[in-house]
């Protein structure tokens, strides 16, 4: 069975942030890829022809306060890490400026906060 065609083609997932280039560098280290476009207000991170993430300047950016409802997470990114490499991956992401979230629900994921407050999870099988 083939995939169902959509009305539109996915172009990018865009994260608002106070400093697009810095956050793009963080995610480039986390998920790989190349910065293919950058100006003061927009940075694109690609893997070949695939846009991984884009970062948009938001001078009034306020990070989510999850699990508090004041500013819910709205979305988060899940990235796969090999379970055997989990400790090493955690040390690397800490060195990049992430922090482990205080709330850890358990299961096969760990909740992290990027340098400006977006949530992401390390997941493994």
PDB file of N, CA and C in Angstrom:
ATOM      1  N   UNK A   1       0.849  -1.173   0.000  1.00  0.00           N
ATOM      2  CA  UNK A   1       0.000   0.000   0.000  1.00  0.00           C
ATOM      3  C   UNK A   1       0.890   1.229   0.000  1.00  0.00           C
ATOM      4  N   UNK A   2       0.668   2.144  -0.917  1.00  0.00           N
ATOM      5  CA  UNK A   2       1.447   3.369  -1.020  1.00  0.00           C
ATOM      6  C   UNK A   2       0.983   4.411  -0.021  1.00  0.00           C
ATOM      7  N   UNK A   3       1.771   5.438   0.104  1.00  0.00           N
ATOM      8  CA  UNK A   3       1.374   6.501   1.021  1.00  0.00           C
ATOM      9  C   UNK A   3       0.316   7.379   0.375  1.00  0.00           C
ATOM     10  N   UNK A   4      -0.509   7.928   1.188  1.00  0.00           N
ATOM     11  CA  UNK A   4      -1.595   8.775   0.709  1.00  0.00           C
ATOM     12  C   UNK A   4      -1.058  10.164   0.375  1.00  0.00           C
ATOM     13  N   UNK A   5      -1.375  10.687  -0.803  1.00  0.00           N
ATOM     14  CA  UNK A   5      -0.928  12.039  -1.118  1.00  0.00           C
ATOM     15  C   UNK A   5      -1.663  13.065  -0.262  1.00  0.00           C
ATOM     16  N   UNK A   6      -0.945  14.079   0.135  1.00  0.00           N
ATOM     17  CA  UNK A   6      -1.557  15.127   0.939  1.00  0.00           C
ATOM     18  C   UNK A   6      -1.960  16.320   0.097  1.00  0.00           C
ATOM     19  N   UNK A   7      -2.597  17.256   0.717  1.00  0.00           N
ATOM     20  CA  UNK A   7      -2.971  18.504   0.057  1.00  0.00           C
ATOM     21  C   UNK A   7      -1.720  19.322  -0.239  1.00  0.00           C
ATOM     22  N   UNK A   8      -0.747  19.224   0.660  1.00  0.00           N
ATOM     23  CA  UNK A   8       0.485  20.004   0.530  1.00  0.00           C
ATOM     24  C   UNK A   8       1.676  19.122   0.875  1.00  0.00           C
ATOM     25  N   UNK A   9       2.855  19.613   0.595  1.00  0.00           N
ATOM     26  CA  UNK A   9       4.094  18.907   0.897  1.00  0.00           C
ATOM     27  C   UNK A   9       4.750  19.577   2.114  1.00  0.00           C
ATOM     28  N   UNK A  10       5.209  18.758   3.057  1.00  0.00           N
ATOM     29  CA  UNK A  10       5.855  19.291   4.252  1.00  0.00           C
ATOM     30  C   UNK A  10       7.097  20.078   3.863  1.00  0.00           C
ATOM     31  N   UNK A  11       7.200  21.304   4.363  1.00  0.00           N
ATOM     32  CA  UNK A  11       8.337  22.152   4.037  1.00  0.00           C
ATOM     33  C   UNK A  11       9.324  22.238   5.187  1.00  0.00           C
ATOM     34  N   UNK A  12       8.836  22.494   6.409  1.00  0.00           N
ATOM     35  CA  UNK A  12       9.747  22.642   7.535  1.00  0.00           C
ATOM     36  C   UNK A  12       8.977  22.620   8.843  1.00  0.00           C
ATOM     37  N   UNK A  13       9.659  22.247   9.899  1.00  0.00           N
ATOM     38  CA  UNK A  13       9.207  22.469  11.263  1.00  0.00           C
ATOM     39  C   UNK A  13      10.028  23.653  11.749  1.00  0.00           C
ATOM     40  N   UNK A  14       9.358  24.710  12.175  1.00  0.00           N
ATOM     41  CA  UNK A  14      10.036  25.959  12.518  1.00  0.00           C
ATOM     42  C   UNK A  14       9.940  26.200  14.020  1.00  0.00           C
ATOM     43  N   UNK A  15      11.082  26.426  14.640  1.00  0.00           N
ATOM     44  CA  UNK A  15      11.122  26.732  16.065  1.00  0.00           C
ATOM     45  C   UNK A  15      11.380  28.217  16.248  1.00  0.00           C
ATOM     46  N   UNK A  16      10.496  28.892  16.949  1.00  0.00           N
ATOM     47  CA  UNK A  16      10.736  30.281  17.337  1.00  0.00           C
ATOM     48  C   UNK A  16      11.811  30.290  18.415  1.00  0.00           C
ATOM     49  N   UNK A  17      12.652  31.315  18.399  1.00  0.00           N
ATOM     50  CA  UNK A  17      13.734  31.379  19.378  1.00  0.00           C
ATOM     51  C   UNK A  17      14.330  32.787  19.393  1.00  0.00           C
ATOM     52  N   UNK A  18      15.072  33.118  20.448  1.00  0.00           N
ATOM     53  CA  UNK A  18      15.656  34.452  20.527  1.00  0.00           C
ATOM     54  C   UNK A  18      16.931  34.614  19.702  1.00  0.00           C
ATOM     55  N   UNK A  19      17.585  33.502  19.290  1.00  0.00           N
ATOM     56  CA  UNK A  19      18.853  33.572  18.560  1.00  0.00           C
ATOM     57  C   UNK A  19      18.925  32.382  17.599  1.00  0.00           C
ATOM     58  N   UNK A  20      18.418  32.542  16.364  1.00  0.00           N
ATOM     59  CA  UNK A  20      18.304  31.412  15.447  1.00  0.00           C
ATOM     60  C   UNK A  20      19.608  30.671  15.164  1.00  0.00           C
ATOM     61  N   UNK A  21      20.695  31.378  14.957  1.00  0.00           N
ATOM     62  CA  UNK A  21      21.943  30.686  14.598  1.00  0.00           C
ATOM     63  C   UNK A  21      22.437  29.790  15.734  1.00  0.00           C
ATOM     64  N   UNK A  22      22.386  30.299  16.950  1.00  0.00           N
ATOM     65  CA  UNK A  22      22.838  29.506  18.091  1.00  0.00           C
ATOM     66  C   UNK A  22      22.013  28.254  18.291  1.00  0.00           C
ATOM     67  N   UNK A  23      20.686  28.359  18.165  1.00  0.00           N
ATOM     68  CA  UNK A  23      19.847  27.191  18.342  1.00  0.00           C
ATOM     69  C   UNK A  23      20.020  26.217  17.179  1.00  0.00           C
ATOM     70  N   UNK A  24      20.234  26.734  15.973  1.00  0.00           N
ATOM     71  CA  UNK A  24      20.500  25.858  14.827  1.00  0.00           C
ATOM     72  C   UNK A  24      21.782  25.067  15.045  1.00  0.00           C
ATOM     73  N   UNK A  25      22.794  25.689  15.593  1.00  0.00           N
ATOM     74  CA  UNK A  25      24.056  24.981  15.878  1.00  0.00           C
ATOM     75  C   UNK A  25      23.830  23.871  16.899  1.00  0.00           C
ATOM     76  N   UNK A  26      23.013  24.147  17.920  1.00  0.00           N
ATOM     77  CA  UNK A  26      22.696  23.117  18.910  1.00  0.00           C
ATOM     78  C   UNK A  26      22.068  21.905  18.226  1.00  0.00           C
ATOM     79  N   UNK A  27      21.033  22.142  17.406  1.00  0.00           N
ATOM     80  CA  UNK A  27      20.344  21.026  16.760  1.00  0.00           C
ATOM     81  C   UNK A  27      21.195  20.381  15.668  1.00  0.00           C
ATOM     82  N   UNK A  28      22.081  21.121  15.045  1.00  0.00           N
ATOM     83  CA  UNK A  28      23.001  20.509  14.073  1.00  0.00           C
ATOM     84  C   UNK A  28      23.874  19.479  14.777  1.00  0.00           C
ATOM     85  N   UNK A  29      24.343  19.804  15.969  1.00  0.00           N
ATOM     86  CA  UNK A  29      25.129  18.845  16.750  1.00  0.00           C
ATOM     87  C   UNK A  29      24.271  17.669  17.203  1.00  0.00           C
ATOM     88  N   UNK A  30      23.003  17.925  17.517  1.00  0.00           N
ATOM     89  CA  UNK A  30      22.123  16.872  18.019  1.00  0.00           C
ATOM     90  C   UNK A  30      21.682  15.905  16.923  1.00  0.00           C
ATOM     91  N   UNK A  31      21.188  16.419  15.794  1.00  0.00           N
ATOM     92  CA  UNK A  31      20.604  15.545  14.765  1.00  0.00           C
ATOM     93  C   UNK A  31      21.396  15.507  13.460  1.00  0.00           C
ATOM     94  N   UNK A  32      22.485  16.278  13.365  1.00  0.00           N
ATOM     95  CA  UNK A  32      23.277  16.287  12.142  1.00  0.00           C
ATOM     96  C   UNK A  32      22.713  17.259  11.117  1.00  0.00           C
ATOM     97  N   UNK A  33      23.244  17.180   9.905  1.00  0.00           N
ATOM     98  CA  UNK A  33      22.795  18.052   8.836  1.00  0.00           C
ATOM     99  C   UNK A  33      23.713  19.242   8.650  1.00  0.00           C
ATOM    100  N   UNK A  34      23.313  20.106   7.745  1.00  0.00           N
ATOM    101  CA  UNK A  34      24.094  21.288   7.401  1.00  0.00           C
ATOM    102  C   UNK A  34      23.217  22.523   7.444  1.00  0.00           C
ATOM    103  N   UNK A  35      23.793  23.602   7.895  1.00  0.00           N
ATOM    104  CA  UNK A  35      23.093  24.881   7.829  1.00  0.00           C
ATOM    105  C   UNK A  35      23.230  25.366   6.397  1.00  0.00           C
ATOM    106  N   UNK A  36      22.097  25.463   5.697  1.00  0.00           N
ATOM    107  CA  UNK A  36      22.116  25.804   4.271  1.00  0.00           C
ATOM    108  C   UNK A  36      21.671  27.224   3.998  1.00  0.00           C
ATOM    109  N   UNK A  37      21.085  27.863   4.985  1.00  0.00           N
ATOM    110  CA  UNK A  37      20.689  29.262   4.839  1.00  0.00           C
ATOM    111  C   UNK A  37      20.703  29.884   6.222  1.00  0.00           C
ATOM    112  N   UNK A  38      21.212  31.115   6.287  1.00  0.00           N
ATOM    113  CA  UNK A  38      21.191  31.814   7.575  1.00  0.00           C
ATOM    114  C   UNK A  38      21.210  33.316   7.349  1.00  0.00           C
ATOM    115  N   UNK A  39      20.332  34.006   8.049  1.00  0.00           N
ATOM    116  CA  UNK A  39      20.429  35.449   8.205  1.00  0.00           C
ATOM    117  C   UNK A  39      20.058  35.755   9.649  1.00  0.00           C
ATOM    118  N   UNK A  40      19.864  36.992  10.000  1.00  0.00           N
ATOM    119  CA  UNK A  40      19.581  37.321  11.406  1.00  0.00           C
ATOM    120  C   UNK A  40      18.243  36.781  11.897  1.00  0.00           C
ATOM    121  N   UNK A  41      17.309  36.547  10.966  1.00  0.00           N
ATOM    122  CA  UNK A  41      15.960  36.160  11.367  1.00  0.00           C
ATOM    123  C   UNK A  41      15.581  34.726  11.047  1.00  0.00           C
ATOM    124  N   UNK A  42      16.391  34.013  10.249  1.00  0.00           N
ATOM    125  CA  UNK A  42      16.000  32.675   9.796  1.00  0.00           C
ATOM    126  C   UNK A  42      17.235  31.831   9.528  1.00  0.00           C
ATOM    127  N   UNK A  43      17.189  30.587   9.984  1.00  0.00           N
ATOM    128  CA  UNK A  43      18.257  29.624   9.699  1.00  0.00           C
ATOM    129  C   UNK A  43      17.603  28.299   9.327  1.00  0.00           C
ATOM    130  N   UNK A  44      18.110  27.658   8.261  1.00  0.00           N
ATOM    131  CA  UNK A  44      17.595  26.361   7.823  1.00  0.00           C
ATOM    132  C   UNK A  44      18.652  25.286   8.025  1.00  0.00           C
ATOM    133  N   UNK A  45      18.239  24.183   8.618  1.00  0.00           N
ATOM    134  CA  UNK A  45      19.091  23.016   8.818  1.00  0.00           C
ATOM    135  C   UNK A  45      18.566  21.910   7.915  1.00  0.00           C
ATOM    136  N   UNK A  46      19.420  21.417   7.007  1.00  0.00           N
ATOM    137  CA  UNK A  46      18.997  20.410   6.032  1.00  0.00           C
ATOM    138  C   UNK A  46      19.907  19.197   6.074  1.00  0.00           C
ATOM    139  N   UNK A  47      19.356  18.091   5.607  1.00  0.00           N
ATOM    140  CA  UNK A  47      20.116  16.877   5.346  1.00  0.00           C
ATOM    141  C   UNK A  47      19.862  16.562   3.879  1.00  0.00           C
ATOM    142  N   UNK A  48      20.774  16.988   3.016  1.00  0.00           N
ATOM    143  CA  UNK A  48      20.534  16.867   1.580  1.00  0.00           C
ATOM    144  C   UNK A  48      19.393  17.776   1.179  1.00  0.00           C
ATOM    145  N   UNK A  49      18.369  17.205   0.529  1.00  0.00           N
ATOM    146  CA  UNK A  49      17.206  17.987   0.108  1.00  0.00           C
ATOM    147  C   UNK A  49      16.130  18.074   1.182  1.00  0.00           C
ATOM    148  N   UNK A  50      16.327  17.363   2.284  1.00  0.00           N
ATOM    149  CA  UNK A  50      15.321  17.319   3.339  1.00  0.00           C
ATOM    150  C   UNK A  50      15.581  18.403   4.369  1.00  0.00           C
ATOM    151  N   UNK A  51      14.591  19.242   4.611  1.00  0.00           N
ATOM    152  CA  UNK A  51      14.695  20.226   5.686  1.00  0.00           C
ATOM    153  C   UNK A  51      14.453  19.494   6.992  1.00  0.00           C
ATOM    154  N   UNK A  52      15.405  19.550   7.887  1.00  0.00           N
ATOM    155  CA  UNK A  52      15.229  18.947   9.201  1.00  0.00           C
ATOM    156  C   UNK A  52      14.452  19.893  10.107  1.00  0.00           C
ATOM    157  N   UNK A  53      14.981  21.103  10.271  1.00  0.00           N
ATOM    158  CA  UNK A  53      14.365  22.115  11.119  1.00  0.00           C
ATOM    159  C   UNK A  53      14.734  23.489  10.590  1.00  0.00           C
ATOM    160  N   UNK A  54      13.902  24.455  10.896  1.00  0.00           N
ATOM    161  CA  UNK A  54      14.243  25.852  10.646  1.00  0.00           C
ATOM    162  C   UNK A  54      14.055  26.611  11.952  1.00  0.00           C
ATOM    163  N   UNK A  55      14.729  27.743  12.058  1.00  0.00           N
ATOM    164  CA  UNK A  55      14.736  28.521  13.282  1.00  0.00           C
ATOM    165  C   UNK A  55      14.440  29.964  12.933  1.00  0.00           C
ATOM    166  N   UNK A  56      13.444  30.532  13.596  1.00  0.00           N
ATOM    167  CA  UNK A  56      12.970  31.869  13.279  1.00  0.00           C
ATOM    168  C   UNK A  56      13.130  32.777  14.493  1.00  0.00           C
ATOM    169  N   UNK A  57      13.634  33.975  14.248  1.00  0.00           N
ATOM    170  CA  UNK A  57      13.798  34.957  15.310  1.00  0.00           C
ATOM    171  C   UNK A  57      12.449  35.336  15.897  1.00  0.00           C
ATOM    172  N   UNK A  58      12.356  35.280  17.200  1.00  0.00           N
ATOM    173  CA  UNK A  58      11.183  35.718  17.939  1.00  0.00           C
ATOM    174  C   UNK A  58      11.694  36.499  19.145  1.00  0.00           C
ATOM    175  N   UNK A  59      11.827  37.822  19.010  1.00  0.00           N
ATOM    176  CA  UNK A  59      12.418  38.622  20.094  1.00  0.00           C
ATOM    177  C   UNK A  59      11.677  38.496  21.426  1.00  0.00           C
ATOM    178  N   UNK A  60      10.378  38.213  21.393  1.00  0.00           N
ATOM    179  CA  UNK A  60       9.590  38.091  22.617  1.00  0.00           C
ATOM    180  C   UNK A  60       9.350  36.635  23.010  1.00  0.00           C
ATOM    181  N   UNK A  61      10.196  35.722  22.514  1.00  0.00           N
ATOM    182  CA  UNK A  61      10.036  34.300  22.783  1.00  0.00           C
ATOM    183  C   UNK A  61       9.967  34.017  24.282  1.00  0.00           C
ATOM    184  N   UNK A  62       8.999  33.199  24.655  1.00  0.00           N
ATOM    185  CA  UNK A  62       8.845  32.725  26.027  1.00  0.00           C
ATOM    186  C   UNK A  62       8.840  31.205  25.988  1.00  0.00           C
ATOM    187  N   UNK A  63       9.735  30.536  26.699  1.00  0.00           N
ATOM    188  CA  UNK A  63       9.777  29.073  26.644  1.00  0.00           C
ATOM    189  C   UNK A  63       8.549  28.448  27.302  1.00  0.00           C
ATOM    190  N   UNK A  64       8.235  27.205  26.919  1.00  0.00           N
ATOM    191  CA  UNK A  64       7.121  26.518  27.560  1.00  0.00           C
ATOM    192  C   UNK A  64       7.421  26.258  29.036  1.00  0.00           C
ATOM    193  N   UNK A  65       6.362  26.102  29.813  1.00  0.00           N
ATOM    194  CA  UNK A  65       6.500  25.830  31.248  1.00  0.00           C
ATOM    195  C   UNK A  65       5.978  24.436  31.596  1.00  0.00           C
ATOM    196  N   UNK A  66       5.919  23.548  30.617  1.00  0.00           N
ATOM    197  CA  UNK A  66       5.406  22.191  30.825  1.00  0.00           C
ATOM    198  C   UNK A  66       6.044  21.549  32.037  1.00  0.00           C
ATOM    199  N   UNK A  67       5.277  20.892  32.888  1.00  0.00           N
ATOM    200  CA  UNK A  67       3.874  20.523  32.728  1.00  0.00           C
ATOM    201  C   UNK A  67       2.887  21.568  33.232  1.00  0.00           C
ATOM    202  N   UNK A  68       3.372  22.700  33.683  1.00  0.00           N
ATOM    203  CA  UNK A  68       2.479  23.780  34.113  1.00  0.00           C
ATOM    204  C   UNK A  68       1.715  24.310  32.898  1.00  0.00           C
ATOM    205  N   UNK A  69       0.438  24.663  33.046  1.00  0.00           N
ATOM    206  CA  UNK A  69      -0.383  25.037  31.896  1.00  0.00           C
ATOM    207  C   UNK A  69      -0.216  26.479  31.417  1.00  0.00           C
ATOM    208  N   UNK A  70       0.568  27.302  32.121  1.00  0.00           N
ATOM    209  CA  UNK A  70       0.692  28.715  31.720  1.00  0.00           C
ATOM    210  C   UNK A  70       1.131  28.865  30.270  1.00  0.00           C
ATOM    211  N   UNK A  71       2.195  28.162  29.890  1.00  0.00           N
ATOM    212  CA  UNK A  71       2.696  28.143  28.512  1.00  0.00           C
ATOM    213  C   UNK A  71       2.983  26.679  28.162  1.00  0.00           C
ATOM    214  N   UNK A  72       1.973  25.942  27.647  1.00  0.00           N
ATOM    215  CA  UNK A  72       2.161  24.518  27.365  1.00  0.00           C
ATOM    216  C   UNK A  72       3.208  24.295  26.288  1.00  0.00           C
ATOM    217  N   UNK A  73       3.711  23.062  26.241  1.00  0.00           N
ATOM    218  CA  UNK A  73       4.786  22.752  25.295  1.00  0.00           C
ATOM    219  C   UNK A  73       4.355  22.912  23.842  1.00  0.00           C
ATOM    220  N   UNK A  74       3.092  22.706  23.507  1.00  0.00           N
ATOM    221  CA  UNK A  74       2.537  22.822  22.161  1.00  0.00           C
ATOM    222  C   UNK A  74       3.080  21.767  21.207  1.00  0.00           C
ATOM    223  N   UNK A  75       4.346  21.489  21.241  1.00  0.00           N
ATOM    224  CA  UNK A  75       4.940  20.398  20.470  1.00  0.00           C
ATOM    225  C   UNK A  75       6.282  20.078  21.120  1.00  0.00           C
ATOM    226  N   UNK A  76       6.835  18.917  20.758  1.00  0.00           N
ATOM    227  CA  UNK A  76       8.194  18.595  21.176  1.00  0.00           C
ATOM    228  C   UNK A  76       8.793  17.677  20.120  1.00  0.00           C
ATOM    229  N   UNK A  77      10.083  17.538  20.144  1.00  0.00           N
ATOM    230  CA  UNK A  77      10.780  16.688  19.188  1.00  0.00           C
ATOM    231  C   UNK A  77      11.198  15.395  19.874  1.00  0.00           C
ATOM    232  N   UNK A  78      11.008  14.268  19.214  1.00  0.00           N
ATOM    233  CA  UNK A  78      11.518  12.986  19.673  1.00  0.00           C
ATOM    234  C   UNK A  78      12.679  12.602  18.773  1.00  0.00           C
ATOM    235  N   UNK A  79      13.810  12.289  19.377  1.00  0.00           N
ATOM    236  CA  UNK A  79      14.970  11.825  18.622  1.00  0.00           C
ATOM    237  C   UNK A  79      15.375  10.465  19.155  1.00  0.00           C
ATOM    238  N   UNK A  80      15.827   9.583  18.262  1.00  0.00           N
ATOM    239  CA  UNK A  80      16.198   8.229  18.638  1.00  0.00           C
ATOM    240  C   UNK A  80      17.669   8.157  19.015  1.00  0.00           C
ATOM    241  N   UNK A  81      17.929   7.506  20.129  1.00  0.00           N
ATOM    242  CA  UNK A  81      19.282   7.251  20.612  1.00  0.00           C
ATOM    243  C   UNK A  81      19.371   5.756  20.900  1.00  0.00           C
ATOM    244  N   UNK A  82      20.471   5.132  20.512  1.00  0.00           N
ATOM    245  CA  UNK A  82      20.658   3.729  20.853  1.00  0.00           C
ATOM    246  C   UNK A  82      20.792   3.616  22.368  1.00  0.00           C
ATOM    247  N   UNK A  83      20.077   2.668  22.967  1.00  0.00           N
ATOM    248  CA  UNK A  83      20.083   2.539  24.422  1.00  0.00           C
ATOM    249  C   UNK A  83      21.494   2.364  24.972  1.00  0.00           C
ATOM    250  N   UNK A  84      22.334   1.629  24.254  1.00  0.00           N
ATOM    251  CA  UNK A  84      23.716   1.408  24.702  1.00  0.00           C
ATOM    252  C   UNK A  84      24.534   2.701  24.692  1.00  0.00           C
ATOM    253  N   UNK A  85      24.093   3.697  23.914  1.00  0.00           N
ATOM    254  CA  UNK A  85      24.802   4.963  23.802  1.00  0.00           C
ATOM    255  C   UNK A  85      24.153   6.077  24.613  1.00  0.00           C
ATOM    256  N   UNK A  86      23.146   5.744  25.393  1.00  0.00           N
ATOM    257  CA  UNK A  86      22.359   6.749  26.090  1.00  0.00           C
ATOM    258  C   UNK A  86      23.198   7.608  27.037  1.00  0.00           C
ATOM    259  N   UNK A  87      24.029   7.000  27.860  1.00  0.00           N
ATOM    260  CA  UNK A  87      24.832   7.780  28.809  1.00  0.00           C
ATOM    261  C   UNK A  87      25.775   8.733  28.086  1.00  0.00           C
ATOM    262  N   UNK A  88      26.420   8.257  27.031  1.00  0.00           N
ATOM    263  CA  UNK A  88      27.335   9.112  26.257  1.00  0.00           C
ATOM    264  C   UNK A  88      26.561  10.243  25.578  1.00  0.00           C
ATOM    265  N   UNK A  89      25.387   9.926  25.030  1.00  0.00           N
ATOM    266  CA  UNK A  89      24.575  10.956  24.373  1.00  0.00           C
ATOM    267  C   UNK A  89      24.139  12.017  25.376  1.00  0.00           C
ATOM    268  N   UNK A  90      23.791  11.590  26.582  1.00  0.00           N
ATOM    269  CA  UNK A  90      23.380  12.552  27.600  1.00  0.00           C
ATOM    270  C   UNK A  90      24.527  13.481  27.972  1.00  0.00           C
ATOM    271  N   UNK A  91      25.720  12.967  28.115  1.00  0.00           N
ATOM    272  CA  UNK A  91      26.869  13.817  28.428  1.00  0.00           C
ATOM    273  C   UNK A  91      27.129  14.827  27.314  1.00  0.00           C
ATOM    274  N   UNK A  92      27.000  14.391  26.075  1.00  0.00           N
ATOM    275  CA  UNK A  92      27.229  15.290  24.940  1.00  0.00           C
ATOM    276  C   UNK A  92      26.186  16.396  24.875  1.00  0.00           C
ATOM    277  N   UNK A  93      24.918  16.041  25.086  1.00  0.00           N
ATOM    278  CA  UNK A  93      23.866  17.049  24.985  1.00  0.00           C
ATOM    279  C   UNK A  93      23.944  18.029  26.163  1.00  0.00           C
ATOM    280  N   UNK A  94      24.366  17.563  27.321  1.00  0.00           N
ATOM    281  CA  UNK A  94      24.601  18.476  28.446  1.00  0.00           C
ATOM    282  C   UNK A  94      25.702  19.475  28.108  1.00  0.00           C
ATOM    283  N   UNK A  95      26.758  18.984  27.475  1.00  0.00           N
ATOM    284  CA  UNK A  95      27.882  19.857  27.092  1.00  0.00           C
ATOM    285  C   UNK A  95      27.460  20.897  26.060  1.00  0.00           C
ATOM    286  N   UNK A  96      26.438  20.590  25.262  1.00  0.00           N
ATOM    287  CA  UNK A  96      25.937  21.542  24.268  1.00  0.00           C
ATOM    288  C   UNK A  96      25.032  22.610  24.873  1.00  0.00           C
ATOM    289  N   UNK A  97      24.621  22.419  26.126  1.00  0.00           N
ATOM    290  CA  UNK A  97      23.787  23.419  26.778  1.00  0.00           C
ATOM    291  C   UNK A  97      22.375  22.981  27.093  1.00  0.00           C
ATOM    292  N   UNK A  98      22.026  21.713  26.816  1.00  0.00           N
ATOM    293  CA  UNK A  98      20.705  21.211  27.192  1.00  0.00           C
ATOM    294  C   UNK A  98      20.711  20.888  28.686  1.00  0.00           C
ATOM    295  N   UNK A  99      19.512  20.728  29.217  1.00  0.00           N
ATOM    296  CA  UNK A  99      19.406  20.251  30.599  1.00  0.00           C
ATOM    297  C   UNK A  99      18.304  19.202  30.662  1.00  0.00           C
ATOM    298  N   UNK A 100      18.460  18.275  31.575  1.00  0.00           N
ATOM    299  CA  UNK A 100      17.440  17.254  31.764  1.00  0.00           C
ATOM    300  C   UNK A 100      16.255  17.893  32.488  1.00  0.00           C
ATOM    301  N   UNK A 101      15.052  17.630  31.988  1.00  0.00           N
ATOM    302  CA  UNK A 101      13.843  18.177  32.616  1.00  0.00           C
ATOM    303  C   UNK A 101      13.651  17.533  33.983  1.00  0.00           C
ATOM    304  N   UNK A 102      13.082  18.292  34.915  1.00  0.00           N
ATOM    305  CA  UNK A 102      12.847  17.785  36.260  1.00  0.00           C
ATOM    306  C   UNK A 102      11.862  16.622  36.253  1.00  0.00           C
ATOM    307  N   UNK A 103      10.870  16.658  35.351  1.00  0.00           N
ATOM    308  CA  UNK A 103       9.861  15.614  35.274  1.00  0.00           C
ATOM    309  C   UNK A 103      10.315  14.539  34.294  1.00  0.00           C
ATOM    310  N   UNK A 104      10.446  13.329  34.772  1.00  0.00           N
ATOM    311  CA  UNK A 104      10.828  12.188  33.942  1.00  0.00           C
ATOM    312  C   UNK A 104       9.771  11.104  34.116  1.00  0.00           C
ATOM    313  N   UNK A 105       8.804  11.006  33.172  1.00  0.00           N
ATOM    314  CA  UNK A 105       7.694  10.072  33.334  1.00  0.00           C
ATOM    315  C   UNK A 105       8.087   8.598  33.316  1.00  0.00           C
ATOM    316  N   UNK A 106       9.272   8.255  32.849  1.00  0.00           N
ATOM    317  CA  UNK A 106       9.671   6.857  32.770  1.00  0.00           C
ATOM    318  C   UNK A 106       9.396   6.294  31.394  1.00  0.00           C
ATOM    319  N   UNK A 107       9.543   5.012  31.253  1.00  0.00           N
ATOM    320  CA  UNK A 107       9.367   4.394  29.946  1.00  0.00           C
ATOM    321  C   UNK A 107      10.662   4.475  29.155  1.00  0.00           C
ATOM    322  N   UNK A 108      10.566   4.346  27.852  1.00  0.00           N
ATOM    323  CA  UNK A 108      11.765   4.343  27.011  1.00  0.00           C
ATOM    324  C   UNK A 108      12.027   5.721  26.404  1.00  0.00           C
ATOM    325  N   UNK A 109      11.946   6.738  27.234  1.00  0.00           N
ATOM    326  CA  UNK A 109      12.294   8.090  26.795  1.00  0.00           C
ATOM    327  C   UNK A 109      12.742   8.909  27.993  1.00  0.00           C
ATOM    328  N   UNK A 110      13.531   9.918  27.704  1.00  0.00           N
ATOM    329  CA  UNK A 110      13.955  10.896  28.700  1.00  0.00           C
ATOM    330  C   UNK A 110      13.702  12.285  28.145  1.00  0.00           C
ATOM    331  N   UNK A 111      13.184  13.149  28.994  1.00  0.00           N
ATOM    332  CA  UNK A 111      12.777  14.488  28.587  1.00  0.00           C
ATOM    333  C   UNK A 111      13.927  15.470  28.825  1.00  0.00           C
ATOM    334  N   UNK A 112      14.206  16.273  27.792  1.00  0.00           N
ATOM    335  CA  UNK A 112      15.275  17.268  27.829  1.00  0.00           C
ATOM    336  C   UNK A 112      14.720  18.635  27.473  1.00  0.00           C
ATOM    337  N   UNK A 113      15.493  19.662  27.792  1.00  0.00           N
ATOM    338  CA  UNK A 113      15.150  21.032  27.453  1.00  0.00           C
ATOM    339  C   UNK A 113      16.330  21.623  26.691  1.00  0.00           C
ATOM    340  N   UNK A 114      16.078  22.172  25.490  1.00  0.00           N
ATOM    341  CA  UNK A 114      17.174  22.750  24.714  1.00  0.00           C
ATOM    342  C   UNK A 114      17.614  24.081  25.349  1.00  0.00           C
ATOM    343  N   UNK A 115      18.664  24.709  24.829  1.00  0.00           N
ATOM    344  CA  UNK A 115      19.184  25.922  25.479  1.00  0.00           C
ATOM    345  C   UNK A 115      18.204  27.077  25.618  1.00  0.00           C
ATOM    346  N   UNK A 116      17.111  27.108  24.828  1.00  0.00           N
ATOM    347  CA  UNK A 116      16.145  28.202  24.975  1.00  0.00           C
ATOM    348  C   UNK A 116      14.799  27.735  25.511  1.00  0.00           C
ATOM    349  N   UNK A 117      14.683  26.462  25.891  1.00  0.00           N
ATOM    350  CA  UNK A 117      13.488  26.001  26.576  1.00  0.00           C
ATOM    351  C   UNK A 117      12.560  25.075  25.827  1.00  0.00           C
ATOM    352  N   UNK A 118      12.822  24.759  24.537  1.00  0.00           N
ATOM    353  CA  UNK A 118      11.989  23.788  23.824  1.00  0.00           C
ATOM    354  C   UNK A 118      12.253  22.401  24.395  1.00  0.00           C
ATOM    355  N   UNK A 119      11.211  21.604  24.466  1.00  0.00           N
ATOM    356  CA  UNK A 119      11.346  20.245  24.962  1.00  0.00           C
ATOM    357  C   UNK A 119      11.701  19.291  23.833  1.00  0.00           C
ATOM    358  N   UNK A 120      12.534  18.313  24.144  1.00  0.00           N
ATOM    359  CA  UNK A 120      12.783  17.199  23.227  1.00  0.00           C
ATOM    360  C   UNK A 120      13.042  15.965  24.051  1.00  0.00           C
ATOM    361  N   UNK A 121      12.837  14.804  23.438  1.00  0.00           N
ATOM    362  CA  UNK A 121      13.004  13.548  24.152  1.00  0.00           C
ATOM    363  C   UNK A 121      14.007  12.658  23.453  1.00  0.00           C
ATOM    364  N   UNK A 122      14.854  12.007  24.252  1.00  0.00           N
ATOM    365  CA  UNK A 122      15.662  10.897  23.782  1.00  0.00           C
ATOM    366  C   UNK A 122      14.768   9.663  23.896  1.00  0.00           C
ATOM    367  N   UNK A 123      14.593   8.936  22.804  1.00  0.00           N
ATOM    368  CA  UNK A 123      13.780   7.722  22.775  1.00  0.00           C
ATOM    369  C   UNK A 123      14.650   6.554  22.333  1.00  0.00           C
ATOM    370  N   UNK A 124      14.336   5.363  22.808  1.00  0.00           N
ATOM    371  CA  UNK A 124      15.040   4.170  22.377  1.00  0.00           C
ATOM    372  C   UNK A 124      14.069   3.004  22.369  1.00  0.00           C
ATOM    373  N   UNK A 125      14.449   1.961  21.623  1.00  0.00           N
ATOM    374  CA  UNK A 125      13.591   0.760  21.522  1.00  0.00           C
ATOM    375  C   UNK A 125      13.834  -0.162  22.681  1.00  0.00           C
TER     376      UNK A 125
END
